[in-house]
């Protein structure tokens, strides 16, 4: 099983311009993420968390991450179909995690 680092990206200026979500919108987002997590099931190694830049030059478009596992990229893409982040207008970047030989 291959592990993948999934980065959730969004335009920082667009995100800053968005108003704070209402309680109803927050509940809808939480529900959407929960439904996606249920669909992804055992593919989720680490659900992840939101992120924010901490060092000079850090990419502010990365707003969070997950670590997922799948047999291959095609299978992972099917798991990511309908993901709530893309439904909200964000982009998802996928990186394969490659083990260090001998570790």
PDB file of N, CA and C in Angstrom:
ATOM      1  N   UNK A   1       0.860  -1.175   0.000  1.00  0.00           N
ATOM      2  CA  UNK A   1       0.000   0.000   0.000  1.00  0.00           C
ATOM      3  C   UNK A   1       0.905   1.236   0.000  1.00  0.00           C
ATOM      4  N   UNK A   2       0.617   2.157  -0.882  1.00  0.00           N
ATOM      5  CA  UNK A   2       1.392   3.391  -1.000  1.00  0.00           C
ATOM      6  C   UNK A   2       0.731   4.486  -0.169  1.00  0.00           C
ATOM      7  N   UNK A   3       1.556   5.271   0.505  1.00  0.00           N
ATOM      8  CA  UNK A   3       1.034   6.415   1.261  1.00  0.00           C
ATOM      9  C   UNK A   3       1.246   7.688   0.455  1.00  0.00           C
ATOM     10  N   UNK A   4       0.301   8.605   0.608  1.00  0.00           N
ATOM     11  CA  UNK A   4       0.324   9.864  -0.116  1.00  0.00           C
ATOM     12  C   UNK A   4       0.097  11.025   0.851  1.00  0.00           C
ATOM     13  N   UNK A   5       0.860  12.089   0.654  1.00  0.00           N
ATOM     14  CA  UNK A   5       0.649  13.337   1.381  1.00  0.00           C
ATOM     15  C   UNK A   5      -0.281  14.185   0.522  1.00  0.00           C
ATOM     16  N   UNK A   6      -1.414  14.547   1.073  1.00  0.00           N
ATOM     17  CA  UNK A   6      -2.413  15.331   0.369  1.00  0.00           C
ATOM     18  C   UNK A   6      -2.373  16.737   0.954  1.00  0.00           C
ATOM     19  N   UNK A   7      -2.086  17.714   0.101  1.00  0.00           N
ATOM     20  CA  UNK A   7      -2.028  19.109   0.535  1.00  0.00           C
ATOM     21  C   UNK A   7      -3.261  19.843   0.031  1.00  0.00           C
ATOM     22  N   UNK A   8      -3.886  20.572   0.928  1.00  0.00           N
ATOM     23  CA  UNK A   8      -5.070  21.351   0.583  1.00  0.00           C
ATOM     24  C   UNK A   8      -4.633  22.788   0.341  1.00  0.00           C
ATOM     25  N   UNK A   9      -4.832  23.244  -0.898  1.00  0.00           N
ATOM     26  CA  UNK A   9      -4.396  24.585  -1.296  1.00  0.00           C
ATOM     27  C   UNK A   9      -5.589  25.484  -1.602  1.00  0.00           C
ATOM     28  N   UNK A  10      -5.410  26.766  -1.336  1.00  0.00           N
ATOM     29  CA  UNK A  10      -6.397  27.781  -1.691  1.00  0.00           C
ATOM     30  C   UNK A  10      -5.666  29.113  -1.813  1.00  0.00           C
ATOM     31  N   UNK A  11      -6.184  29.983  -2.628  1.00  0.00           N
ATOM     32  CA  UNK A  11      -5.601  31.304  -2.827  1.00  0.00           C
ATOM     33  C   UNK A  11      -5.690  32.074  -1.502  1.00  0.00           C
ATOM     34  N   UNK A  12      -4.537  32.451  -0.921  1.00  0.00           N
ATOM     35  CA  UNK A  12      -4.568  33.144   0.380  1.00  0.00           C
ATOM     36  C   UNK A  12      -5.374  34.439   0.362  1.00  0.00           C
ATOM     37  N   UNK A  13      -5.293  35.209  -0.733  1.00  0.00           N
ATOM     38  CA  UNK A  13      -6.044  36.466  -0.808  1.00  0.00           C
ATOM     39  C   UNK A  13      -7.544  36.195  -0.836  1.00  0.00           C
ATOM     40  N   UNK A  14      -7.956  35.180  -1.576  1.00  0.00           N
ATOM     41  CA  UNK A  14      -9.377  34.836  -1.639  1.00  0.00           C
ATOM     42  C   UNK A  14      -9.865  34.351  -0.281  1.00  0.00           C
ATOM     43  N   UNK A  15      -9.034  33.555   0.392  1.00  0.00           N
ATOM     44  CA  UNK A  15      -9.423  33.059   1.719  1.00  0.00           C
ATOM     45  C   UNK A  15      -9.550  34.212   2.714  1.00  0.00           C
ATOM     46  N   UNK A  16      -8.627  35.167   2.659  1.00  0.00           N
ATOM     47  CA  UNK A  16      -8.666  36.305   3.580  1.00  0.00           C
ATOM     48  C   UNK A  16      -9.887  37.187   3.333  1.00  0.00           C
ATOM     49  N   UNK A  17     -10.356  37.232   2.083  1.00  0.00           N
ATOM     50  CA  UNK A  17     -11.490  38.079   1.731  1.00  0.00           C
ATOM     51  C   UNK A  17     -12.832  37.439   2.082  1.00  0.00           C
ATOM     52  N   UNK A  18     -12.808  36.139   2.379  1.00  0.00           N
ATOM     53  CA  UNK A  18     -14.070  35.458   2.702  1.00  0.00           C
ATOM     54  C   UNK A  18     -14.540  35.844   4.100  1.00  0.00           C
ATOM     55  N   UNK A  19     -15.849  36.057   4.246  1.00  0.00           N
ATOM     56  CA  UNK A  19     -16.369  36.346   5.595  1.00  0.00           C
ATOM     57  C   UNK A  19     -16.307  35.096   6.461  1.00  0.00           C
ATOM     58  N   UNK A  20     -16.323  35.292   7.765  1.00  0.00           N
ATOM     59  CA  UNK A  20     -16.362  34.162   8.695  1.00  0.00           C
ATOM     60  C   UNK A  20     -17.625  33.353   8.407  1.00  0.00           C
ATOM     61  N   UNK A  21     -17.512  32.029   8.392  1.00  0.00           N
ATOM     62  CA  UNK A  21     -18.708  31.219   8.128  1.00  0.00           C
ATOM     63  C   UNK A  21     -19.711  31.317   9.276  1.00  0.00           C
ATOM     64  N   UNK A  22     -20.973  31.220   8.916  1.00  0.00           N
ATOM     65  CA  UNK A  22     -22.026  31.192   9.932  1.00  0.00           C
ATOM     66  C   UNK A  22     -21.969  29.831  10.633  1.00  0.00           C
ATOM     67  N   UNK A  23     -22.694  29.702  11.712  1.00  0.00           N
ATOM     68  CA  UNK A  23     -22.762  28.423  12.425  1.00  0.00           C
ATOM     69  C   UNK A  23     -23.325  27.342  11.504  1.00  0.00           C
ATOM     70  N   UNK A  24     -24.308  27.696  10.709  1.00  0.00           N
ATOM     71  CA  UNK A  24     -24.903  26.734   9.772  1.00  0.00           C
ATOM     72  C   UNK A  24     -23.880  26.306   8.709  1.00  0.00           C
ATOM     73  N   UNK A  25     -23.120  27.258   8.178  1.00  0.00           N
ATOM     74  CA  UNK A  25     -22.101  26.917   7.184  1.00  0.00           C
ATOM     75  C   UNK A  25     -21.003  26.043   7.797  1.00  0.00           C
ATOM     76  N   UNK A  26     -20.618  26.344   9.019  1.00  0.00           N
ATOM     77  CA  UNK A  26     -19.609  25.531   9.708  1.00  0.00           C
ATOM     78  C   UNK A  26     -20.122  24.114   9.887  1.00  0.00           C
ATOM     79  N   UNK A  27     -21.378  23.972  10.264  1.00  0.00           N
ATOM     80  CA  UNK A  27     -21.968  22.645  10.428  1.00  0.00           C
ATOM     81  C   UNK A  27     -22.002  21.901   9.094  1.00  0.00           C
ATOM     82  N   UNK A  28     -22.341  22.605   8.015  1.00  0.00           N
ATOM     83  CA  UNK A  28     -22.382  21.979   6.694  1.00  0.00           C
ATOM     84  C   UNK A  28     -20.983  21.506   6.276  1.00  0.00           C
ATOM     85  N   UNK A  29     -19.960  22.334   6.530  1.00  0.00           N
ATOM     86  CA  UNK A  29     -18.586  21.940   6.191  1.00  0.00           C
ATOM     87  C   UNK A  29     -18.155  20.734   7.014  1.00  0.00           C
ATOM     88  N   UNK A  30     -18.464  20.754   8.297  1.00  0.00           N
ATOM     89  CA  UNK A  30     -18.105  19.641   9.171  1.00  0.00           C
ATOM     90  C   UNK A  30     -18.784  18.354   8.705  1.00  0.00           C
ATOM     91  N   UNK A  31     -20.047  18.455   8.339  1.00  0.00           N
ATOM     92  CA  UNK A  31     -20.785  17.293   7.841  1.00  0.00           C
ATOM     93  C   UNK A  31     -20.169  16.774   6.547  1.00  0.00           C
ATOM     94  N   UNK A  32     -19.831  17.675   5.627  1.00  0.00           N
ATOM     95  CA  UNK A  32     -19.228  17.274   4.348  1.00  0.00           C
ATOM     96  C   UNK A  32     -17.900  16.555   4.571  1.00  0.00           C
ATOM     97  N   UNK A  33     -17.072  17.090   5.457  1.00  0.00           N
ATOM     98  CA  UNK A  33     -15.790  16.436   5.754  1.00  0.00           C
ATOM     99  C   UNK A  33     -16.019  15.073   6.418  1.00  0.00           C
ATOM    100  N   UNK A  34     -16.985  14.985   7.303  1.00  0.00           N
ATOM    101  CA  UNK A  34     -17.289  13.710   7.956  1.00  0.00           C
ATOM    102  C   UNK A  34     -17.788  12.672   6.961  1.00  0.00           C
ATOM    103  N   UNK A  35     -18.625  13.099   6.019  1.00  0.00           N
ATOM    104  CA  UNK A  35     -19.118  12.178   4.992  1.00  0.00           C
ATOM    105  C   UNK A  35     -17.974  11.703   4.102  1.00  0.00           C
ATOM    106  N   UNK A  36     -17.076  12.632   3.746  1.00  0.00           N
ATOM    107  CA  UNK A  36     -15.922  12.226   2.938  1.00  0.00           C
ATOM    108  C   UNK A  36     -15.049  11.245   3.721  1.00  0.00           C
ATOM    109  N   UNK A  37     -14.808  11.509   4.994  1.00  0.00           N
ATOM    110  CA  UNK A  37     -13.978  10.619   5.819  1.00  0.00           C
ATOM    111  C   UNK A  37     -14.600   9.230   5.898  1.00  0.00           C
ATOM    112  N   UNK A  38     -15.912   9.155   6.011  1.00  0.00           N
ATOM    113  CA  UNK A  38     -16.589   7.854   6.053  1.00  0.00           C
ATOM    114  C   UNK A  38     -16.391   7.118   4.732  1.00  0.00           C
ATOM    115  N   UNK A  39     -16.466   7.853   3.623  1.00  0.00           N
ATOM    116  CA  UNK A  39     -16.248   7.256   2.298  1.00  0.00           C
ATOM    117  C   UNK A  39     -14.797   6.773   2.170  1.00  0.00           C
ATOM    118  N   UNK A  40     -13.852   7.574   2.639  1.00  0.00           N
ATOM    119  CA  UNK A  40     -12.427   7.237   2.512  1.00  0.00           C
ATOM    120  C   UNK A  40     -12.055   6.068   3.416  1.00  0.00           C
ATOM    121  N   UNK A  41     -12.695   5.966   4.572  1.00  0.00           N
ATOM    122  CA  UNK A  41     -12.493   4.836   5.478  1.00  0.00           C
ATOM    123  C   UNK A  41     -11.048   4.555   5.819  1.00  0.00           C
ATOM    124  N   UNK A  42     -10.624   3.315   5.576  1.00  0.00           N
ATOM    125  CA  UNK A  42      -9.273   2.891   5.966  1.00  0.00           C
ATOM    126  C   UNK A  42      -8.171   3.494   5.101  1.00  0.00           C
ATOM    127  N   UNK A  43      -8.536   4.251   4.078  1.00  0.00           N
ATOM    128  CA  UNK A  43      -7.516   4.951   3.287  1.00  0.00           C
ATOM    129  C   UNK A  43      -6.890   6.087   4.092  1.00  0.00           C
ATOM    130  N   UNK A  44      -7.575   6.517   5.146  1.00  0.00           N
ATOM    131  CA  UNK A  44      -7.056   7.618   5.966  1.00  0.00           C
ATOM    132  C   UNK A  44      -6.043   7.068   6.961  1.00  0.00           C
ATOM    133  N   UNK A  45      -4.794   7.503   6.808  1.00  0.00           N
ATOM    134  CA  UNK A  45      -3.729   7.159   7.759  1.00  0.00           C
ATOM    135  C   UNK A  45      -3.701   8.217   8.858  1.00  0.00           C
ATOM    136  N   UNK A  46      -3.774   9.474   8.444  1.00  0.00           N
ATOM    137  CA  UNK A  46      -3.793  10.623   9.360  1.00  0.00           C
ATOM    138  C   UNK A  46      -4.748  11.633   8.727  1.00  0.00           C
ATOM    139  N   UNK A  47      -5.882  11.879   9.381  1.00  0.00           N
ATOM    140  CA  UNK A  47      -6.866  12.821   8.835  1.00  0.00           C
ATOM    141  C   UNK A  47      -6.224  14.177   8.586  1.00  0.00           C
ATOM    142  N   UNK A  48      -5.240  14.550   9.401  1.00  0.00           N
ATOM    143  CA  UNK A  48      -4.541  15.812   9.227  1.00  0.00           C
ATOM    144  C   UNK A  48      -5.163  16.938  10.022  1.00  0.00           C
ATOM    145  N   UNK A  49      -4.710  18.137   9.704  1.00  0.00           N
ATOM    146  CA  UNK A  49      -5.145  19.348  10.391  1.00  0.00           C
ATOM    147  C   UNK A  49      -4.942  20.543   9.475  1.00  0.00           C
ATOM    148  N   UNK A  50      -5.547  21.674   9.813  1.00  0.00           N
ATOM    149  CA  UNK A  50      -5.221  22.900   9.102  1.00  0.00           C
ATOM    150  C   UNK A  50      -3.763  23.286   9.383  1.00  0.00           C
ATOM    151  N   UNK A  51      -3.190  24.050   8.486  1.00  0.00           N
ATOM    152  CA  UNK A  51      -1.827  24.539   8.663  1.00  0.00           C
ATOM    153  C   UNK A  51      -1.788  26.045   8.415  1.00  0.00           C
ATOM    154  N   UNK A  52      -0.714  26.669   8.885  1.00  0.00           N
ATOM    155  CA  UNK A  52      -0.468  28.072   8.572  1.00  0.00           C
ATOM    156  C   UNK A  52       1.038  28.241   8.437  1.00  0.00           C
ATOM    157  N   UNK A  53       1.482  29.186   7.618  1.00  0.00           N
ATOM    158  CA  UNK A  53       2.919  29.377   7.420  1.00  0.00           C
ATOM    159  C   UNK A  53       3.609  29.708   8.740  1.00  0.00           C
ATOM    160  N   UNK A  54       4.776  29.106   8.944  1.00  0.00           N
ATOM    161  CA  UNK A  54       5.527  29.356  10.175  1.00  0.00           C
ATOM    162  C   UNK A  54       6.945  29.854   9.906  1.00  0.00           C
ATOM    163  N   UNK A  55       7.448  29.650   8.699  1.00  0.00           N
ATOM    164  CA  UNK A  55       8.814  30.089   8.405  1.00  0.00           C
ATOM    165  C   UNK A  55       8.796  31.064   7.237  1.00  0.00           C
ATOM    166  N   UNK A  56       9.855  31.845   7.131  1.00  0.00           N
ATOM    167  CA  UNK A  56       9.978  32.779   6.020  1.00  0.00           C
ATOM    168  C   UNK A  56       9.918  32.010   4.708  1.00  0.00           C
ATOM    169  N   UNK A  57       9.120  32.490   3.783  1.00  0.00           N
ATOM    170  CA  UNK A  57       9.014  31.852   2.486  1.00  0.00           C
ATOM    171  C   UNK A  57       8.075  30.657   2.429  1.00  0.00           C
ATOM    172  N   UNK A  58       7.447  30.312   3.544  1.00  0.00           N
ATOM    173  CA  UNK A  58       6.509  29.183   3.545  1.00  0.00           C
ATOM    174  C   UNK A  58       5.342  29.490   2.603  1.00  0.00           C
ATOM    175  N   UNK A  59       4.838  28.480   1.938  1.00  0.00           N
ATOM    176  CA  UNK A  59       3.763  28.632   0.958  1.00  0.00           C
ATOM    177  C   UNK A  59       2.429  28.839   1.680  1.00  0.00           C
ATOM    178  N   UNK A  60       1.930  30.056   1.623  1.00  0.00           N
ATOM    179  CA  UNK A  60       0.693  30.405   2.326  1.00  0.00           C
ATOM    180  C   UNK A  60      -0.547  29.798   1.675  1.00  0.00           C
ATOM    181  N   UNK A  61      -0.404  29.235   0.476  1.00  0.00           N
ATOM    182  CA  UNK A  61      -1.572  28.633  -0.175  1.00  0.00           C
ATOM    183  C   UNK A  61      -1.910  27.262   0.410  1.00  0.00           C
ATOM    184  N   UNK A  62      -0.974  26.663   1.160  1.00  0.00           N
ATOM    185  CA  UNK A  62      -1.234  25.368   1.783  1.00  0.00           C
ATOM    186  C   UNK A  62      -1.974  25.616   3.094  1.00  0.00           C
ATOM    187  N   UNK A  63      -3.205  25.118   3.153  1.00  0.00           N
ATOM    188  CA  UNK A  63      -4.027  25.372   4.326  1.00  0.00           C
ATOM    189  C   UNK A  63      -4.285  24.153   5.183  1.00  0.00           C
ATOM    190  N   UNK A  64      -3.743  22.992   4.764  1.00  0.00           N
ATOM    191  CA  UNK A  64      -3.949  21.791   5.541  1.00  0.00           C
ATOM    192  C   UNK A  64      -3.384  20.588   4.813  1.00  0.00           C
ATOM    193  N   UNK A  65      -3.475  19.440   5.462  1.00  0.00           N
ATOM    194  CA  UNK A  65      -2.924  18.209   4.899  1.00  0.00           C
ATOM    195  C   UNK A  65      -3.703  17.003   5.417  1.00  0.00           C
ATOM    196  N   UNK A  66      -3.539  15.905   4.716  1.00  0.00           N
ATOM    197  CA  UNK A  66      -3.953  14.580   5.178  1.00  0.00           C
ATOM    198  C   UNK A  66      -2.910  13.593   4.671  1.00  0.00           C
ATOM    199  N   UNK A  67      -2.807  12.455   5.314  1.00  0.00           N
ATOM    200  CA  UNK A  67      -1.996  11.355   4.799  1.00  0.00           C
ATOM    201  C   UNK A  67      -2.968  10.213   4.519  1.00  0.00           C
ATOM    202  N   UNK A  68      -2.969   9.782   3.252  1.00  0.00           N
ATOM    203  CA  UNK A  68      -3.869   8.726   2.817  1.00  0.00           C
ATOM    204  C   UNK A  68      -3.060   7.575   2.247  1.00  0.00           C
ATOM    205  N   UNK A  69      -3.683   6.409   2.159  1.00  0.00           N
ATOM    206  CA  UNK A  69      -3.027   5.263   1.546  1.00  0.00           C
ATOM    207  C   UNK A  69      -3.965   4.632   0.519  1.00  0.00           C
ATOM    208  N   UNK A  70      -3.355   4.120  -0.548  1.00  0.00           N
ATOM    209  CA  UNK A  70      -4.116   3.452  -1.602  1.00  0.00           C
ATOM    210  C   UNK A  70      -3.161   2.563  -2.380  1.00  0.00           C
ATOM    211  N   UNK A  71      -3.729   1.662  -3.160  1.00  0.00           N
ATOM    212  CA  UNK A  71      -2.896   0.780  -3.963  1.00  0.00           C
ATOM    213  C   UNK A  71      -2.113   1.556  -5.020  1.00  0.00           C
ATOM    214  N   UNK A  72      -2.720   2.619  -5.555  1.00  0.00           N
ATOM    215  CA  UNK A  72      -2.053   3.411  -6.589  1.00  0.00           C
ATOM    216  C   UNK A  72      -2.725   4.786  -6.673  1.00  0.00           C
ATOM    217  N   UNK A  73      -2.156   5.646  -7.513  1.00  0.00           N
ATOM    218  CA  UNK A  73      -2.673   7.011  -7.635  1.00  0.00           C
ATOM    219  C   UNK A  73      -4.094   7.025  -8.184  1.00  0.00           C
ATOM    220  N   UNK A  74      -4.404   6.140  -9.125  1.00  0.00           N
ATOM    221  CA  UNK A  74      -5.758   6.095  -9.687  1.00  0.00           C
ATOM    222  C   UNK A  74      -6.789   5.790  -8.594  1.00  0.00           C
ATOM    223  N   UNK A  75      -6.471   4.856  -7.722  1.00  0.00           N
ATOM    224  CA  UNK A  75      -7.375   4.521  -6.617  1.00  0.00           C
ATOM    225  C   UNK A  75      -7.514   5.705  -5.673  1.00  0.00           C
ATOM    226  N   UNK A  76      -6.393   6.370  -5.393  1.00  0.00           N
ATOM    227  CA  UNK A  76      -6.443   7.554  -4.526  1.00  0.00           C
ATOM    228  C   UNK A  76      -7.315   8.638  -5.150  1.00  0.00           C
ATOM    229  N   UNK A  77      -7.178   8.844  -6.452  1.00  0.00           N
ATOM    230  CA  UNK A  77      -7.982   9.876  -7.117  1.00  0.00           C
ATOM    231  C   UNK A  77      -9.472   9.578  -6.957  1.00  0.00           C
ATOM    232  N   UNK A  78      -9.857   8.308  -7.009  1.00  0.00           N
ATOM    233  CA  UNK A  78     -11.275   7.978  -6.825  1.00  0.00           C
ATOM    234  C   UNK A  78     -11.723   8.271  -5.391  1.00  0.00           C
ATOM    235  N   UNK A  79     -10.833   8.097  -4.442  1.00  0.00           N
ATOM    236  CA  UNK A  79     -11.140   8.423  -3.044  1.00  0.00           C
ATOM    237  C   UNK A  79     -11.315   9.933  -2.878  1.00  0.00           C
ATOM    238  N   UNK A  80     -10.548  10.705  -3.653  1.00  0.00           N
ATOM    239  CA  UNK A  80     -10.602  12.164  -3.559  1.00  0.00           C
ATOM    240  C   UNK A  80     -11.736  12.780  -4.377  1.00  0.00           C
ATOM    241  N   UNK A  81     -12.378  11.992  -5.253  1.00  0.00           N
ATOM    242  CA  UNK A  81     -13.510  12.510  -6.032  1.00  0.00           C
ATOM    243  C   UNK A  81     -14.593  13.030  -5.092  1.00  0.00           C
ATOM    244  N   UNK A  82     -15.069  14.236  -5.355  1.00  0.00           N
ATOM    245  CA  UNK A  82     -16.111  14.831  -4.529  1.00  0.00           C
ATOM    246  C   UNK A  82     -15.633  15.331  -3.180  1.00  0.00           C
ATOM    247  N   UNK A  83     -14.313  15.473  -3.027  1.00  0.00           N
ATOM    248  CA  UNK A  83     -13.761  15.935  -1.746  1.00  0.00           C
ATOM    249  C   UNK A  83     -14.306  17.327  -1.404  1.00  0.00           C
ATOM    250  N   UNK A  84     -14.645  17.577  -0.141  1.00  0.00           N
ATOM    251  CA  UNK A  84     -15.226  18.866   0.230  1.00  0.00           C
ATOM    252  C   UNK A  84     -14.304  20.055  -0.027  1.00  0.00           C
ATOM    253  N   UNK A  85     -12.998  19.854   0.005  1.00  0.00           N
ATOM    254  CA  UNK A  85     -12.091  20.987  -0.235  1.00  0.00           C
ATOM    255  C   UNK A  85     -12.228  21.481  -1.666  1.00  0.00           C
ATOM    256  N   UNK A  86     -12.279  20.573  -2.617  1.00  0.00           N
ATOM    257  CA  UNK A  86     -12.440  21.002  -4.009  1.00  0.00           C
ATOM    258  C   UNK A  86     -13.843  21.540  -4.246  1.00  0.00           C
ATOM    259  N   UNK A  87     -14.828  20.991  -3.556  1.00  0.00           N
ATOM    260  CA  UNK A  87     -16.197  21.496  -3.680  1.00  0.00           C
ATOM    261  C   UNK A  87     -16.287  22.945  -3.211  1.00  0.00           C
ATOM    262  N   UNK A  88     -15.382  23.352  -2.294  1.00  0.00           N
ATOM    263  CA  UNK A  88     -15.354  24.733  -1.795  1.00  0.00           C
ATOM    264  C   UNK A  88     -14.457  25.624  -2.655  1.00  0.00           C
ATOM    265  N   UNK A  89     -13.946  25.078  -3.775  1.00  0.00           N
ATOM    266  CA  UNK A  89     -13.127  25.883  -4.681  1.00  0.00           C
ATOM    267  C   UNK A  89     -11.633  25.737  -4.486  1.00  0.00           C
ATOM    268  N   UNK A  90     -11.197  24.915  -3.555  1.00  0.00           N
ATOM    269  CA  UNK A  90      -9.769  24.719  -3.323  1.00  0.00           C
ATOM    270  C   UNK A  90      -9.179  23.693  -4.280  1.00  0.00           C
ATOM    271  N   UNK A  91      -7.871  23.587  -4.256  1.00  0.00           N
ATOM    272  CA  UNK A  91      -7.159  22.607  -5.056  1.00  0.00           C
ATOM    273  C   UNK A  91      -6.494  21.600  -4.122  1.00  0.00           C
ATOM    274  N   UNK A  92      -6.332  20.390  -4.636  1.00  0.00           N
ATOM    275  CA  UNK A  92      -5.661  19.339  -3.883  1.00  0.00           C
ATOM    276  C   UNK A  92      -4.412  18.931  -4.634  1.00  0.00           C
ATOM    277  N   UNK A  93      -3.299  18.901  -3.921  1.00  0.00           N
ATOM    278  CA  UNK A  93      -2.031  18.453  -4.477  1.00  0.00           C
ATOM    279  C   UNK A  93      -1.661  17.145  -3.787  1.00  0.00           C
ATOM    280  N   UNK A  94      -1.205  16.182  -4.571  1.00  0.00           N
ATOM    281  CA  UNK A  94      -0.873  14.858  -4.030  1.00  0.00           C
ATOM    282  C   UNK A  94       0.610  14.580  -4.237  1.00  0.00           C
ATOM    283  N   UNK A  95       1.281  14.157  -3.175  1.00  0.00           N
ATOM    284  CA  UNK A  95       2.681  13.757  -3.231  1.00  0.00           C
ATOM    285  C   UNK A  95       2.776  12.330  -2.709  1.00  0.00           C
ATOM    286  N   UNK A  96       3.496  11.493  -3.431  1.00  0.00           N
ATOM    287  CA  UNK A  96       3.719  10.122  -2.956  1.00  0.00           C
ATOM    288  C   UNK A  96       4.805  10.150  -1.882  1.00  0.00           C
ATOM    289  N   UNK A  97       4.544   9.458  -0.791  1.00  0.00           N
ATOM    290  CA  UNK A  97       5.540   9.338   0.278  1.00  0.00           C
ATOM    291  C   UNK A  97       6.405   8.132  -0.063  1.00  0.00           C
ATOM    292  N   UNK A  98       7.684   8.357  -0.246  1.00  0.00           N
ATOM    293  CA  UNK A  98       8.586   7.284  -0.625  1.00  0.00           C
ATOM    294  C   UNK A  98       9.441   6.891   0.564  1.00  0.00           C
ATOM    295  N   UNK A  99       9.424   5.619   0.938  1.00  0.00           N
ATOM    296  CA  UNK A  99      10.213   5.174   2.092  1.00  0.00           C
ATOM    297  C   UNK A  99      11.706   5.327   1.824  1.00  0.00           C
ATOM    298  N   UNK A 100      12.440   5.608   2.887  1.00  0.00           N
ATOM    299  CA  UNK A 100      13.897   5.665   2.804  1.00  0.00           C
ATOM    300  C   UNK A 100      14.407   4.236   2.918  1.00  0.00           C
ATOM    301  N   UNK A 101      15.199   3.780   1.942  1.00  0.00           N
ATOM    302  CA  UNK A 101      15.702   2.407   2.006  1.00  0.00           C
ATOM    303  C   UNK A 101      16.479   2.166   3.310  1.00  0.00           C
ATOM    304  N   UNK A 102      16.227   1.027   3.925  1.00  0.00           N
ATOM    305  CA  UNK A 102      16.937   0.659   5.137  1.00  0.00           C
ATOM    306  C   UNK A 102      16.398   1.290   6.413  1.00  0.00           C
ATOM    307  N   UNK A 103      15.351   2.059   6.316  1.00  0.00           N
ATOM    308  CA  UNK A 103      14.787   2.718   7.507  1.00  0.00           C
ATOM    309  C   UNK A 103      13.502   2.049   7.905  1.00  0.00           C
TER     310      UNK A 103
END
